[in-house]
C-alpha cells in the first residue's frame, strides 16, 4: 500500500531525463531496450537475375507482397518503416544504396519486446546472376534456426519462384 510499482515500457517509449541548467533545459533521450544473448547469422544465395531486379524485390511493395504472399507496408527510404508477412516482420530502413546494399532494423513478432536485429543485404553482381549476401546481427540465440529457415524458405525460395514466374511471363 502506498508503493508505486514499475510498469512495462511500450515499444515507443523513451527515457527522458531533464535537468534545469539556469534558464536552459537539457534533454537526453535514450531508447529503452532489452539485453539478450544474440548471434550473427550469415547466408549467401545466388539468384538468376540482375542486381536491379533483385534489389527491387526488396524495395517495391507489390513485389514484396508477391513473394511474401501477404499484404506489406513499405517505405523504401532512409528512416522508412516496413511490415511484411502479416505483421510478423517489422522494422525500419537504415540505409539504401541503390542496387548495392540495404541495411534494416529488423524484428520478428515472436522476439522479446523492444529487440531488433540489424540486417544487411549486399547485392553482388556475377555473370548472369546476383549473389545476395545476408548479414544479420543481433538474432536472439533461441531464434537462430527459425531465422535461417525463414530466410531460406520464405525469402530466398519464394523470390526464386517469383523470378522464374516473371521470366516465363516476361
N, C-alpha and C. Protein backbone atom coordinates (compact mmCIF):
# COMPACT_ATOMS: atom_id res chain seq x y z
N UNK A 1 0.84 -1.17 0.00
CA UNK A 1 0.00 0.00 0.00
C UNK A 1 0.89 1.24 0.00
N UNK A 2 0.54 2.17 -0.88
CA UNK A 2 1.33 3.38 -0.96
C UNK A 2 2.60 3.23 -1.79
N UNK A 3 2.81 2.03 -2.39
CA UNK A 3 4.01 1.80 -3.20
C UNK A 3 3.68 2.05 -4.67
N UNK A 4 4.62 2.59 -5.40
CA UNK A 4 4.48 2.76 -6.83
C UNK A 4 5.34 1.69 -7.48
N UNK A 5 4.69 0.80 -8.22
CA UNK A 5 5.41 -0.28 -8.86
C UNK A 5 5.77 0.11 -10.29
N UNK A 6 6.89 -0.38 -10.79
CA UNK A 6 7.26 -0.05 -12.17
C UNK A 6 6.29 -0.71 -13.14
N UNK A 7 6.09 -0.05 -14.30
CA UNK A 7 5.23 -0.60 -15.33
C UNK A 7 6.08 -1.01 -16.51
N UNK A 8 5.53 -1.89 -17.33
CA UNK A 8 6.25 -2.37 -18.52
C UNK A 8 6.25 -1.26 -19.58
N UNK A 9 7.40 -0.99 -20.16
CA UNK A 9 7.52 0.05 -21.18
C UNK A 9 6.96 -0.46 -22.50
N UNK A 10 6.40 0.44 -23.30
CA UNK A 10 5.93 0.06 -24.62
C UNK A 10 7.05 0.30 -25.63
N UNK A 11 6.85 -0.22 -26.85
CA UNK A 11 7.89 -0.15 -27.87
C UNK A 11 8.25 1.27 -28.25
N UNK A 12 7.35 2.23 -28.05
CA UNK A 12 7.65 3.59 -28.50
C UNK A 12 8.09 4.51 -27.37
N UNK A 13 8.10 4.03 -26.15
CA UNK A 13 8.50 4.89 -25.04
C UNK A 13 10.01 5.13 -25.04
N UNK A 14 10.38 6.30 -24.63
CA UNK A 14 11.79 6.62 -24.48
C UNK A 14 12.00 7.22 -23.09
N UNK A 15 13.16 6.95 -22.57
CA UNK A 15 13.51 7.51 -21.27
C UNK A 15 13.95 8.95 -21.50
N UNK A 16 13.31 9.88 -20.84
CA UNK A 16 13.67 11.28 -20.99
C UNK A 16 14.14 11.82 -19.66
N UNK A 17 15.32 12.39 -19.68
CA UNK A 17 15.90 12.96 -18.47
C UNK A 17 16.01 14.46 -18.69
N UNK A 18 15.44 15.20 -17.78
CA UNK A 18 15.51 16.66 -17.89
C UNK A 18 16.23 17.21 -16.68
N UNK A 19 17.09 18.17 -16.93
CA UNK A 19 17.82 18.81 -15.85
C UNK A 19 17.82 20.31 -16.11
N UNK A 20 17.44 21.06 -15.12
CA UNK A 20 17.37 22.50 -15.27
C UNK A 20 18.77 23.09 -15.09
N UNK A 21 19.27 23.77 -16.11
CA UNK A 21 20.55 24.46 -16.05
C UNK A 21 20.28 25.95 -16.30
N UNK A 22 20.31 26.74 -15.28
CA UNK A 22 19.94 28.16 -15.31
C UNK A 22 18.61 28.32 -16.06
N UNK A 23 18.60 28.91 -17.24
CA UNK A 23 17.36 29.09 -18.00
C UNK A 23 17.13 27.98 -19.03
N UNK A 24 18.11 27.14 -19.27
CA UNK A 24 18.01 26.11 -20.32
C UNK A 24 17.60 24.76 -19.73
N UNK A 25 16.94 23.98 -20.54
CA UNK A 25 16.59 22.62 -20.16
C UNK A 25 17.41 21.66 -21.02
N UNK A 26 18.14 20.80 -20.37
CA UNK A 26 18.92 19.79 -21.09
C UNK A 26 18.07 18.54 -21.18
N UNK A 27 17.90 18.01 -22.37
CA UNK A 27 17.08 16.82 -22.55
C UNK A 27 17.91 15.73 -23.22
N UNK A 28 17.99 14.58 -22.57
CA UNK A 28 18.73 13.45 -23.11
C UNK A 28 17.73 12.33 -23.34
N UNK A 29 17.69 11.81 -24.57
CA UNK A 29 16.79 10.70 -24.85
C UNK A 29 17.59 9.45 -25.12
N UNK A 30 17.26 8.39 -24.40
CA UNK A 30 17.92 7.11 -24.60
C UNK A 30 16.85 6.06 -24.78
N UNK A 31 16.87 5.33 -25.94
CA UNK A 31 15.84 4.33 -26.15
C UNK A 31 15.94 3.20 -25.12
N UNK A 32 14.79 2.77 -24.65
CA UNK A 32 14.78 1.62 -23.76
C UNK A 32 15.02 0.38 -24.60
N UNK A 33 15.61 -0.63 -24.06
CA UNK A 33 15.86 -1.85 -24.81
C UNK A 33 16.03 -3.02 -23.89
N UNK A 34 16.28 -4.15 -24.50
CA UNK A 34 16.50 -5.36 -23.73
C UNK A 34 17.85 -5.95 -24.12
N UNK A 35 18.47 -6.60 -23.18
CA UNK A 35 19.75 -7.26 -23.45
C UNK A 35 19.52 -8.76 -23.34
N UNK A 36 19.72 -9.44 -24.46
CA UNK A 36 19.54 -10.89 -24.51
C UNK A 36 20.71 -11.48 -25.27
N UNK A 37 21.02 -12.77 -25.09
CA UNK A 37 22.09 -13.39 -25.86
C UNK A 37 21.72 -13.45 -27.34
N UNK A 38 22.64 -13.02 -28.19
CA UNK A 38 22.36 -12.99 -29.63
C UNK A 38 23.49 -13.65 -30.42
N UNK A 39 23.19 -13.92 -31.69
CA UNK A 39 24.17 -14.48 -32.61
C UNK A 39 24.15 -13.68 -33.91
N UNK A 40 25.17 -13.91 -34.72
CA UNK A 40 25.24 -13.33 -36.06
C UNK A 40 24.90 -14.43 -37.04
N UNK A 41 24.02 -14.14 -37.97
CA UNK A 41 23.61 -15.09 -39.00
C UNK A 41 24.13 -14.59 -40.34
N UNK A 42 24.87 -15.43 -41.04
CA UNK A 42 25.39 -15.05 -42.36
C UNK A 42 24.95 -16.11 -43.37
N UNK A 43 24.39 -15.65 -44.47
CA UNK A 43 23.94 -16.55 -45.53
C UNK A 43 24.27 -15.91 -46.87
N UNK A 44 24.51 -16.76 -47.86
CA UNK A 44 24.76 -16.29 -49.23
C UNK A 44 23.91 -17.12 -50.17
N UNK A 45 23.29 -16.45 -51.15
CA UNK A 45 22.42 -17.16 -52.09
C UNK A 45 22.60 -16.54 -53.47
N UNK A 46 22.60 -17.39 -54.50
CA UNK A 46 22.69 -16.93 -55.89
C UNK A 46 21.30 -16.88 -56.51
N UNK A 47 21.02 -15.81 -57.24
CA UNK A 47 19.74 -15.64 -57.91
C UNK A 47 19.98 -15.42 -59.40
N UNK A 48 19.11 -16.01 -60.23
CA UNK A 48 19.20 -15.85 -61.68
C UNK A 48 18.50 -14.56 -62.10
N UNK A 49 19.08 -13.46 -61.72
CA UNK A 49 18.51 -12.14 -62.03
C UNK A 49 19.62 -11.11 -61.91
N UNK A 50 19.41 -10.00 -62.60
CA UNK A 50 20.34 -8.88 -62.47
C UNK A 50 20.17 -8.20 -61.13
N UNK A 51 21.16 -7.41 -60.77
CA UNK A 51 21.16 -6.71 -59.49
C UNK A 51 19.92 -5.81 -59.35
N UNK A 52 19.58 -5.08 -60.42
CA UNK A 52 18.45 -4.15 -60.35
C UNK A 52 17.16 -4.88 -60.02
N UNK A 53 16.94 -6.02 -60.66
CA UNK A 53 15.71 -6.80 -60.44
C UNK A 53 15.65 -7.32 -59.00
N UNK A 54 16.75 -7.90 -58.53
CA UNK A 54 16.76 -8.46 -57.18
C UNK A 54 16.60 -7.36 -56.13
N UNK A 55 17.27 -6.25 -56.31
CA UNK A 55 17.15 -5.12 -55.38
C UNK A 55 15.69 -4.65 -55.31
N UNK A 56 15.04 -4.56 -56.45
CA UNK A 56 13.65 -4.07 -56.49
C UNK A 56 12.70 -5.01 -55.74
N UNK A 57 13.00 -6.29 -55.68
CA UNK A 57 12.15 -7.24 -54.97
C UNK A 57 12.12 -6.92 -53.47
N UNK A 58 13.15 -6.28 -52.96
CA UNK A 58 13.20 -5.91 -51.54
C UNK A 58 12.73 -4.48 -51.28
N UNK A 59 12.47 -3.71 -52.34
CA UNK A 59 12.14 -2.30 -52.14
C UNK A 59 10.83 -1.85 -52.80
N UNK A 60 10.19 -2.72 -53.56
CA UNK A 60 8.93 -2.38 -54.23
C UNK A 60 7.79 -3.17 -53.57
N UNK A 61 6.84 -2.44 -53.03
CA UNK A 61 5.75 -3.04 -52.25
C UNK A 61 5.07 -4.19 -52.98
N UNK A 62 4.71 -4.00 -54.24
CA UNK A 62 3.99 -5.04 -54.99
C UNK A 62 4.82 -6.33 -55.11
N UNK A 63 6.13 -6.20 -55.28
CA UNK A 63 6.99 -7.38 -55.40
C UNK A 63 7.16 -8.08 -54.05
N UNK A 64 7.27 -7.30 -52.97
CA UNK A 64 7.34 -7.90 -51.62
C UNK A 64 6.06 -8.67 -51.35
N UNK A 65 4.92 -8.10 -51.72
CA UNK A 65 3.64 -8.78 -51.50
C UNK A 65 3.54 -10.05 -52.33
N UNK A 66 4.13 -10.05 -53.53
CA UNK A 66 4.09 -11.26 -54.36
C UNK A 66 4.91 -12.39 -53.75
N UNK A 67 6.16 -12.11 -53.32
CA UNK A 67 6.96 -13.21 -52.79
C UNK A 67 6.53 -13.62 -51.39
N UNK A 68 5.99 -12.66 -50.61
CA UNK A 68 5.58 -12.99 -49.24
C UNK A 68 4.15 -13.54 -49.18
N UNK A 69 3.42 -13.37 -50.29
CA UNK A 69 2.04 -13.84 -50.37
C UNK A 69 1.16 -13.26 -49.26
N UNK A 70 1.44 -11.99 -48.90
CA UNK A 70 0.67 -11.31 -47.86
C UNK A 70 0.81 -9.80 -48.04
N UNK A 71 -0.13 -9.04 -47.47
CA UNK A 71 -0.03 -7.58 -47.57
C UNK A 71 1.27 -7.08 -46.92
N UNK A 72 1.77 -5.98 -47.43
CA UNK A 72 3.00 -5.39 -46.89
C UNK A 72 2.87 -3.88 -46.84
N UNK A 73 3.58 -3.29 -45.91
CA UNK A 73 3.74 -1.84 -45.84
C UNK A 73 5.22 -1.59 -46.08
N UNK A 74 5.52 -0.70 -47.00
CA UNK A 74 6.91 -0.49 -47.38
C UNK A 74 7.16 0.98 -47.68
N UNK A 75 8.09 1.59 -46.96
CA UNK A 75 8.54 2.95 -47.22
C UNK A 75 10.04 2.85 -47.47
N UNK A 76 10.41 2.46 -48.69
CA UNK A 76 11.80 2.16 -49.02
C UNK A 76 12.64 3.43 -49.17
N UNK A 77 12.93 4.04 -48.02
CA UNK A 77 13.80 5.21 -47.95
C UNK A 77 14.39 5.23 -46.55
N UNK A 78 15.49 5.96 -46.40
CA UNK A 78 16.15 6.03 -45.09
C UNK A 78 15.14 6.51 -44.04
N UNK A 79 15.01 5.73 -42.96
CA UNK A 79 14.06 6.05 -41.90
C UNK A 79 12.65 5.54 -42.16
N UNK A 80 12.42 4.99 -43.36
CA UNK A 80 11.10 4.47 -43.71
C UNK A 80 10.82 3.16 -43.00
N UNK A 81 9.56 2.93 -42.69
CA UNK A 81 9.15 1.72 -41.97
C UNK A 81 8.75 0.63 -42.97
N UNK A 82 8.79 -0.61 -42.50
CA UNK A 82 8.26 -1.72 -43.29
C UNK A 82 7.57 -2.72 -42.38
N UNK A 83 6.64 -3.44 -42.99
CA UNK A 83 5.92 -4.52 -42.30
C UNK A 83 5.60 -5.57 -43.35
N UNK A 84 5.96 -6.83 -43.06
CA UNK A 84 5.75 -7.92 -44.01
C UNK A 84 5.20 -9.14 -43.30
N UNK A 85 4.76 -10.10 -44.10
CA UNK A 85 4.28 -11.38 -43.57
C UNK A 85 3.21 -11.17 -42.49
N UNK A 86 2.16 -10.44 -42.88
CA UNK A 86 1.03 -10.18 -41.97
C UNK A 86 1.47 -9.56 -40.64
N UNK A 87 2.48 -8.72 -40.66
CA UNK A 87 2.94 -8.04 -39.45
C UNK A 87 3.89 -8.86 -38.60
N UNK A 88 4.26 -10.04 -39.07
CA UNK A 88 5.21 -10.87 -38.31
C UNK A 88 6.63 -10.34 -38.39
N UNK A 89 6.93 -9.54 -39.42
CA UNK A 89 8.25 -8.91 -39.56
C UNK A 89 8.02 -7.41 -39.71
N UNK A 90 8.69 -6.63 -38.85
CA UNK A 90 8.58 -5.18 -38.92
C UNK A 90 9.97 -4.57 -38.77
N UNK A 91 10.07 -3.31 -39.14
CA UNK A 91 11.36 -2.65 -38.96
C UNK A 91 11.44 -1.32 -39.67
N UNK A 92 12.68 -0.93 -39.90
CA UNK A 92 12.97 0.38 -40.47
C UNK A 92 14.18 0.27 -41.38
N UNK A 93 14.11 0.99 -42.51
CA UNK A 93 15.27 1.08 -43.40
C UNK A 93 16.27 2.06 -42.81
N UNK A 94 17.50 1.61 -42.62
CA UNK A 94 18.56 2.46 -42.07
C UNK A 94 19.39 3.08 -43.20
N UNK A 95 19.64 2.28 -44.23
CA UNK A 95 20.48 2.75 -45.35
C UNK A 95 20.07 2.00 -46.61
N UNK A 96 19.98 2.73 -47.73
CA UNK A 96 19.71 2.11 -49.02
C UNK A 96 20.69 2.67 -50.04
N UNK A 97 21.54 1.83 -50.57
CA UNK A 97 22.43 2.20 -51.67
C UNK A 97 21.90 1.45 -52.90
N UNK A 98 21.24 2.17 -53.78
CA UNK A 98 20.52 1.56 -54.90
C UNK A 98 21.36 0.49 -55.61
N UNK A 99 20.78 -0.70 -55.72
CA UNK A 99 21.36 -1.86 -56.40
C UNK A 99 22.66 -2.37 -55.78
N UNK A 100 22.98 -1.92 -54.57
CA UNK A 100 24.21 -2.35 -53.91
C UNK A 100 23.97 -2.93 -52.51
N UNK A 101 23.19 -2.19 -51.69
CA UNK A 101 23.11 -2.56 -50.28
C UNK A 101 21.84 -2.02 -49.64
N UNK A 102 21.27 -2.83 -48.73
CA UNK A 102 20.14 -2.39 -47.91
C UNK A 102 20.47 -2.75 -46.46
N UNK A 103 20.33 -1.78 -45.56
CA UNK A 103 20.53 -2.02 -44.13
C UNK A 103 19.19 -1.73 -43.44
N UNK A 104 18.74 -2.70 -42.63
CA UNK A 104 17.45 -2.57 -41.97
C UNK A 104 17.55 -2.89 -40.49
N UNK A 105 16.73 -2.22 -39.71
CA UNK A 105 16.47 -2.60 -38.33
C UNK A 105 15.30 -3.59 -38.45
N UNK A 106 15.47 -4.81 -37.97
CA UNK A 106 14.56 -5.92 -38.27
C UNK A 106 14.07 -6.58 -37.01
N UNK A 107 12.79 -6.90 -36.97
CA UNK A 107 12.22 -7.51 -35.78
C UNK A 107 11.14 -8.51 -36.15
N UNK A 108 11.20 -9.68 -35.55
CA UNK A 108 10.14 -10.68 -35.68
C UNK A 108 9.19 -10.52 -34.50
N UNK A 109 7.92 -10.70 -34.75
CA UNK A 109 6.89 -10.53 -33.71
C UNK A 109 7.16 -11.40 -32.48
N UNK A 110 7.72 -12.59 -32.68
CA UNK A 110 7.94 -13.53 -31.57
C UNK A 110 9.16 -13.19 -30.71
N UNK A 111 9.93 -12.18 -31.10
CA UNK A 111 11.12 -11.80 -30.34
C UNK A 111 10.72 -11.02 -29.10
N UNK A 112 11.64 -10.94 -28.13
CA UNK A 112 11.34 -10.12 -26.94
C UNK A 112 11.02 -8.68 -27.36
N UNK A 113 10.09 -8.09 -26.65
CA UNK A 113 9.68 -6.72 -26.94
C UNK A 113 10.90 -5.80 -26.93
N UNK A 114 10.92 -4.85 -27.86
CA UNK A 114 12.00 -3.86 -27.98
C UNK A 114 13.27 -4.39 -28.66
N UNK A 115 13.34 -5.68 -29.00
CA UNK A 115 14.58 -6.22 -29.56
C UNK A 115 14.55 -6.19 -31.08
N UNK A 116 15.61 -5.64 -31.68
CA UNK A 116 15.77 -5.59 -33.13
C UNK A 116 17.13 -6.15 -33.49
N UNK A 117 17.19 -6.78 -34.66
CA UNK A 117 18.46 -7.19 -35.25
C UNK A 117 18.79 -6.18 -36.35
N UNK A 118 20.04 -6.16 -36.77
CA UNK A 118 20.45 -5.35 -37.92
C UNK A 118 20.69 -6.30 -39.08
N UNK A 119 19.92 -6.12 -40.15
CA UNK A 119 20.04 -6.96 -41.34
C UNK A 119 20.71 -6.14 -42.43
N UNK A 120 21.79 -6.68 -43.00
CA UNK A 120 22.48 -6.05 -44.11
C UNK A 120 22.39 -6.99 -45.31
N UNK A 121 21.86 -6.47 -46.42
CA UNK A 121 21.79 -7.23 -47.67
C UNK A 121 22.75 -6.57 -48.66
N UNK A 122 23.76 -7.32 -49.10
CA UNK A 122 24.68 -6.83 -50.13
C UNK A 122 24.37 -7.55 -51.43
N UNK A 123 24.23 -6.79 -52.51
CA UNK A 123 23.90 -7.32 -53.83
C UNK A 123 25.17 -7.31 -54.68
N UNK A 124 25.69 -8.49 -54.99
CA UNK A 124 26.97 -8.60 -55.70
C UNK A 124 26.72 -9.18 -57.09
N UNK A 125 26.97 -8.37 -58.14
CA UNK A 125 26.73 -8.89 -59.49
C UNK A 125 27.77 -9.96 -59.86
N UNK A 126 27.29 -11.01 -60.49
CA UNK A 126 28.14 -12.06 -61.07
C UNK A 126 27.62 -12.28 -62.48
N UNK A 127 28.38 -12.91 -63.36
CA UNK A 127 27.90 -13.11 -64.74
C UNK A 127 26.55 -13.83 -64.79
N UNK A 128 25.51 -13.10 -65.25
CA UNK A 128 24.18 -13.68 -65.42
C UNK A 128 23.39 -13.89 -64.13
N UNK A 129 23.97 -13.55 -63.00
CA UNK A 129 23.31 -13.78 -61.71
C UNK A 129 23.64 -12.64 -60.75
N UNK A 130 23.03 -12.72 -59.58
CA UNK A 130 23.37 -11.81 -58.48
C UNK A 130 23.55 -12.65 -57.23
N UNK A 131 24.65 -12.41 -56.53
CA UNK A 131 24.87 -13.06 -55.24
C UNK A 131 24.33 -12.13 -54.16
N UNK A 132 23.43 -12.67 -53.34
CA UNK A 132 22.90 -11.90 -52.22
C UNK A 132 23.61 -12.36 -50.96
N UNK A 133 24.27 -11.42 -50.28
CA UNK A 133 24.96 -11.72 -49.03
C UNK A 133 24.14 -11.13 -47.89
N UNK A 134 23.67 -12.01 -47.01
CA UNK A 134 22.87 -11.62 -45.86
C UNK A 134 23.75 -11.65 -44.62
N UNK A 135 23.76 -10.56 -43.87
CA UNK A 135 24.48 -10.47 -42.60
C UNK A 135 23.48 -9.95 -41.58
N UNK A 136 23.13 -10.77 -40.62
CA UNK A 136 22.11 -10.41 -39.64
C UNK A 136 22.70 -10.48 -38.25
N UNK A 137 22.88 -9.32 -37.62
CA UNK A 137 23.47 -9.24 -36.28
C UNK A 137 22.39 -8.97 -35.25
N UNK A 138 22.45 -9.71 -34.15
CA UNK A 138 21.50 -9.46 -33.07
C UNK A 138 20.33 -10.42 -33.05
N UNK A 139 20.45 -11.56 -33.73
CA UNK A 139 19.37 -12.55 -33.71
C UNK A 139 19.38 -13.24 -32.34
N UNK A 140 18.24 -13.29 -31.66
CA UNK A 140 18.21 -14.00 -30.38
C UNK A 140 18.68 -15.45 -30.55
N UNK A 141 19.55 -15.90 -29.66
CA UNK A 141 20.12 -17.25 -29.75
C UNK A 141 19.03 -18.30 -29.95
N UNK A 142 17.94 -18.17 -29.20
CA UNK A 142 16.88 -19.18 -29.27
C UNK A 142 16.10 -19.14 -30.57
N UNK A 143 16.32 -18.11 -31.42
CA UNK A 143 15.59 -17.97 -32.69
C UNK A 143 16.48 -18.17 -33.91
N UNK A 144 17.75 -18.57 -33.71
CA UNK A 144 18.69 -18.67 -34.82
C UNK A 144 18.21 -19.64 -35.91
N UNK A 145 17.85 -20.86 -35.54
CA UNK A 145 17.43 -21.85 -36.54
C UNK A 145 16.16 -21.41 -37.25
N UNK A 146 15.23 -20.83 -36.50
CA UNK A 146 13.99 -20.35 -37.09
C UNK A 146 14.27 -19.23 -38.09
N UNK A 147 15.21 -18.35 -37.76
CA UNK A 147 15.56 -17.24 -38.65
C UNK A 147 16.19 -17.76 -39.94
N UNK A 148 17.10 -18.74 -39.83
CA UNK A 148 17.71 -19.35 -41.03
C UNK A 148 16.63 -19.94 -41.92
N UNK A 149 15.71 -20.69 -41.30
CA UNK A 149 14.63 -21.34 -42.03
C UNK A 149 13.78 -20.28 -42.75
N UNK A 150 13.43 -19.22 -42.05
CA UNK A 150 12.59 -18.18 -42.64
C UNK A 150 13.26 -17.51 -43.83
N UNK A 151 14.53 -17.18 -43.71
CA UNK A 151 15.23 -16.56 -44.83
C UNK A 151 15.32 -17.53 -46.01
N UNK A 152 15.64 -18.79 -45.73
CA UNK A 152 15.79 -19.76 -46.81
C UNK A 152 14.46 -20.05 -47.50
N UNK A 153 13.43 -20.36 -46.72
CA UNK A 153 12.14 -20.77 -47.29
C UNK A 153 11.24 -19.61 -47.69
N UNK A 154 11.08 -18.63 -46.79
CA UNK A 154 10.12 -17.56 -47.04
C UNK A 154 10.67 -16.41 -47.87
N UNK A 155 11.99 -16.29 -47.92
CA UNK A 155 12.58 -15.24 -48.75
C UNK A 155 13.23 -15.84 -49.99
N UNK A 156 14.34 -16.54 -49.81
CA UNK A 156 15.13 -16.98 -50.95
C UNK A 156 14.34 -17.86 -51.92
N UNK A 157 13.70 -18.92 -51.43
CA UNK A 157 12.98 -19.84 -52.32
C UNK A 157 11.78 -19.16 -52.96
N UNK A 158 11.06 -18.35 -52.20
CA UNK A 158 9.90 -17.64 -52.76
C UNK A 158 10.33 -16.60 -53.80
N UNK A 159 11.44 -15.92 -53.56
CA UNK A 159 11.95 -14.94 -54.53
C UNK A 159 12.39 -15.65 -55.81
N UNK A 160 13.05 -16.80 -55.68
CA UNK A 160 13.44 -17.57 -56.87
C UNK A 160 12.22 -17.98 -57.68
N UNK A 161 11.16 -18.39 -56.98
CA UNK A 161 9.91 -18.74 -57.67
C UNK A 161 9.31 -17.53 -58.38
N UNK A 162 9.32 -16.38 -57.75
CA UNK A 162 8.82 -15.16 -58.35
C UNK A 162 9.65 -14.79 -59.58
N UNK A 163 10.96 -14.91 -59.48
CA UNK A 163 11.84 -14.59 -60.61
C UNK A 163 11.58 -15.54 -61.78
N UNK A 164 11.37 -16.81 -61.51
CA UNK A 164 11.05 -17.77 -62.58
C UNK A 164 9.73 -17.41 -63.24
N UNK A 165 8.74 -17.08 -62.43
CA UNK A 165 7.42 -16.73 -62.93
C UNK A 165 7.48 -15.49 -63.81
N UNK A 166 8.18 -14.47 -63.37
CA UNK A 166 8.26 -13.22 -64.15
C UNK A 166 9.11 -13.40 -65.39
N UNK A 167 10.08 -14.32 -65.37
CA UNK A 167 10.89 -14.61 -66.56
C UNK A 167 10.02 -15.33 -67.60
N UNK A 168 9.21 -16.28 -67.16
CA UNK A 168 8.34 -17.02 -68.05
C UNK A 168 7.26 -16.12 -68.65
N UNK A 169 6.73 -15.22 -67.84
CA UNK A 169 5.67 -14.32 -68.30
C UNK A 169 6.22 -13.04 -68.93
N UNK A 170 7.52 -12.82 -68.76
CA UNK A 170 8.13 -11.55 -69.12
C UNK A 170 8.32 -11.31 -70.55
